[in-house]
Protein backbone atom coordinates (compact mmCIF):
# COMPACT_ATOMS: atom_id res chain seq x y z
CA MET A 1 198.09 225.13 118.62
CA GLU A 2 200.72 226.50 116.29
CA PHE A 3 197.99 228.71 114.51
CA SER A 4 197.07 231.60 115.98
CA SER A 5 195.42 235.21 115.41
CA PRO A 6 193.69 238.29 116.80
CA LEU A 7 191.24 237.40 113.71
CA VAL A 8 189.92 234.34 114.59
CA ASN A 9 188.47 233.73 117.68
CA ASP A 10 185.30 232.34 119.84
CA HIS A 11 183.12 235.90 118.98
CA ASN A 12 182.63 235.57 115.58
CA LEU A 13 180.61 231.89 116.23
CA TYR A 14 178.16 233.86 118.27
CA LEU A 15 178.52 236.51 115.37
CA ALA A 16 177.02 233.47 112.76
CA GLN A 17 174.20 233.68 114.38
CA GLY A 18 172.35 236.44 112.46
CA ASN A 19 172.86 238.73 115.32
CA ASP A 20 173.08 242.27 114.84
CA TRP A 21 174.90 244.22 112.11
CA ARG A 22 177.01 246.62 114.40
CA GLU A 23 178.55 244.30 116.56
CA MET A 24 179.84 242.54 113.17
CA VAL A 25 180.86 246.01 112.09
CA LYS A 26 182.56 246.53 115.47
CA GLN A 27 184.72 242.91 115.46
CA ILE A 28 185.63 243.99 111.65
CA VAL A 29 187.10 247.76 112.72
CA ALA A 30 188.39 245.65 115.52
CA LYS A 31 190.31 243.88 113.52
CA LYS A 32 188.89 240.54 115.28
CA LYS A 33 186.84 239.21 112.41
CA PRO A 34 188.52 238.52 108.49
CA ILE A 35 185.02 239.41 106.50
CA GLY A 36 181.58 239.83 107.76
CA PHE A 37 178.28 239.63 105.81
CA MET A 38 175.32 241.32 106.97
CA ASP A 39 172.18 242.45 105.21
CA SER A 40 168.87 244.54 106.38
CA HIS A 41 166.02 245.40 105.00
CA SER A 42 166.40 248.70 106.42
CA GLY A 43 168.77 250.95 103.63
CA LYS A 44 169.22 253.38 106.37
CA GLU A 45 171.22 250.69 108.26
CA MET A 46 173.21 248.99 105.56
CA LYS A 47 174.43 252.27 104.49
CA GLU A 48 175.74 253.39 108.39
CA ALA A 49 177.28 249.77 108.00
CA ALA A 50 178.99 250.39 104.81
CA SER A 51 180.34 254.19 105.76
CA SER A 52 181.32 252.69 109.07
CA LEU A 53 183.77 250.12 107.54
CA ILE A 54 184.87 252.84 104.69
CA GLU A 55 185.77 255.30 107.13
CA ALA A 56 187.83 252.97 109.24
CA GLY A 57 189.55 251.59 105.96
CA HIS A 58 187.60 248.63 105.03
CA ALA A 59 186.75 246.64 101.61
CA VAL A 60 182.90 247.13 100.97
CA HIS A 61 180.53 245.51 99.01
CA CYS A 62 176.51 246.73 99.18
CA TYR A 63 173.82 245.45 97.07
CA ARG A 64 170.17 245.55 97.14
CA TYR A 65 168.32 242.19 96.02
CA SER A 66 165.35 241.14 95.56
CA PHE A 67 163.45 237.82 96.45
CA SER A 68 161.15 235.60 93.85
CA ASP A 69 158.74 235.21 96.25
CA GLY A 70 157.33 239.07 96.56
CA ALA A 71 159.14 239.77 100.07
CA ASP A 72 160.32 243.09 101.07
CA PRO A 73 163.63 243.86 99.21
CA CYS A 74 166.72 243.38 101.13
CA TRP A 75 170.22 245.18 101.72
CA PHE A 76 172.88 242.94 101.49
CA VAL A 77 176.79 244.67 102.82
CA SER A 78 180.05 242.50 103.11
CA GLY A 79 182.73 243.79 104.82
CA SER A 80 186.78 242.55 104.97
CA GLN A 81 189.84 243.73 106.25
CA VAL A 82 192.50 244.83 103.10
CA GLY A 83 195.74 242.69 102.57
CA ARG A 84 196.54 239.64 100.94
CA ILE A 85 195.49 236.45 103.02
CA SER A 86 198.87 234.93 103.27
CA GLU A 87 200.23 238.14 104.61
CA MET A 88 197.24 238.31 107.65
CA PHE A 89 197.16 234.52 108.25
CA ASP A 90 200.41 232.33 108.55
CA ILE A 91 199.11 229.64 106.09
CA ASP A 92 201.79 227.08 107.21
CA ALA A 93 201.18 227.20 111.00
CA LEU A 94 197.13 226.60 110.31
CA ILE A 95 198.26 223.82 107.59
CA PHE A 96 200.33 222.33 110.15
CA ASP A 97 197.66 222.28 112.64
CA TYR A 98 195.67 220.21 109.82
CA SER A 99 198.09 218.01 109.23
CA SER A 100 198.27 217.34 113.07
CA TYR A 101 194.75 216.94 113.28
CA PHE A 102 194.09 214.90 110.49
CA SER A 103 197.47 212.64 110.59
CA GLY A 104 195.62 209.26 109.71
CA LYS A 105 194.05 211.11 106.48
CA PRO A 106 196.28 212.12 104.09
CA GLU A 107 193.57 212.85 101.33
CA VAL A 108 191.55 215.16 103.94
CA VAL A 109 195.26 217.19 104.38
CA THR A 110 195.88 217.43 101.03
CA ALA A 111 192.44 219.10 100.56
CA ILE A 112 192.73 221.16 103.01
CA GLU A 113 196.25 222.22 102.05
CA THR A 114 195.29 222.67 98.32
CA GLU A 115 192.26 224.78 99.53
CA LEU A 116 194.42 227.18 101.83
CA LYS A 117 197.63 227.69 99.73
CA LYS A 118 195.22 228.87 96.73
CA ILE A 119 193.44 231.56 98.76
CA GLY A 120 196.42 232.75 100.37
CA ARG A 121 197.30 234.30 97.38
CA PHE A 122 194.68 236.54 97.11
CA ASP A 123 193.29 239.51 98.85
CA LEU A 124 190.23 239.27 101.05
CA SER A 125 188.24 241.40 99.34
CA TYR A 126 188.59 239.00 97.20
CA PHE A 127 185.84 237.26 98.88
CA LEU A 128 183.36 239.86 99.65
CA ASN A 129 180.89 238.25 97.38
CA PHE A 130 179.06 235.79 100.00
CA LYS A 131 178.86 232.65 97.37
CA ASP A 132 182.71 232.73 97.34
CA VAL A 133 182.97 231.54 100.84
CA GLU A 134 179.74 229.60 101.62
CA ILE A 135 180.04 225.55 101.32
CA ASP A 136 179.20 224.31 98.29
CA TYR A 137 177.71 221.89 98.96
CA PRO A 138 176.75 220.50 94.97
CA ALA A 139 179.80 220.23 94.38
CA ILE A 140 181.00 218.24 97.42
CA ARG A 141 177.93 215.89 96.94
CA ASP A 142 179.09 215.68 93.22
CA LYS A 143 182.87 215.27 93.90
CA GLU A 144 184.24 217.72 92.90
CA LYS A 145 185.23 219.86 95.78
CA ASN A 146 186.41 218.11 99.64
CA VAL A 147 184.25 219.21 102.03
CA ALA A 148 187.51 219.42 104.38
CA GLY A 149 189.29 222.45 101.72
CA GLU A 150 185.74 224.17 101.60
CA TYR A 151 185.17 224.37 105.52
CA ALA A 152 188.73 224.70 106.16
CA ARG A 153 188.42 227.84 103.54
CA CYS A 154 185.48 229.03 104.90
CA GLY A 155 186.52 228.60 108.69
CA LEU A 156 189.31 230.73 107.91
CA LEU A 157 187.87 233.74 106.36
CA LEU A 158 184.88 234.44 108.87
CA GLY A 159 187.59 233.80 111.86
CA TYR A 160 186.26 230.84 113.50
CA PRO A 161 188.08 228.65 115.40
CA VAL A 162 190.39 226.34 113.88
CA GLU A 163 189.17 223.43 116.92
CA SER A 164 185.48 224.47 115.81
CA THR A 165 186.38 223.99 112.41
CA MET A 166 187.97 220.91 112.72
CA ALA A 167 185.12 219.25 114.69
CA ILE A 168 183.22 219.80 111.88
CA ILE A 169 185.24 218.29 108.78
CA THR A 170 185.04 215.64 111.53
CA LYS A 171 181.55 215.22 111.42
CA TYR A 172 181.21 215.71 107.78
CA LEU A 173 183.62 213.28 107.10
CA LYS A 174 181.10 210.67 109.11
CA THR A 175 177.95 211.61 107.10
CA PRO A 176 177.69 210.60 103.36
CA PHE A 177 176.51 213.57 100.84
C-alpha cells in the first residue's frame, strides 16, 4: 500500500460500533480520526464532548433532534480535524492503491478517483453533517451514484483502513441493489 495516514486506522472501525463518545473525542483530539459523530440523550454529555473538541481546536457541529415516534430527544455532536482534505491525505497515493486493487474494473477506479478528487477540494469540516458522509443507497440503487465512490469517500472521512473499504466495495460489487 502506498497510502498511509495516522488518521486512518483499525481503531476507527471499533468506534463505528457506537462505543463510548469519550473514545471518539479522544481519537479525534489525538489526530487519529478525521471526523467523528456522537449522540446521546444527555445534553450534558454532548456539551462536554463539544467543549473538549473546541478546546483542542477542532471543528464542531451540534444539534438536538426529536424522533417522530415520540421518543426522548437526542443530542448530536460531530467533530473533525481542521484543514483541506487534499492537504491532510495523499489522495494520489490512495487513488493508486484503489487503482491497483481494482485494476480489472475501470468503471470502479474512475468512480473512486472522481469522488476522492472531488472531496479533496473541501475542508473536512464541510462534512460535519452526517448525511454528507453516509452512503447514499437510494442514489446507488437508482444508478445516480457509484457504490465504489460512495464507500471510498465514507471510508476515508471516517478513517477506516483502506483494505477494509476495499473489501466492502468488493462485496457490494457482487450484490445487486
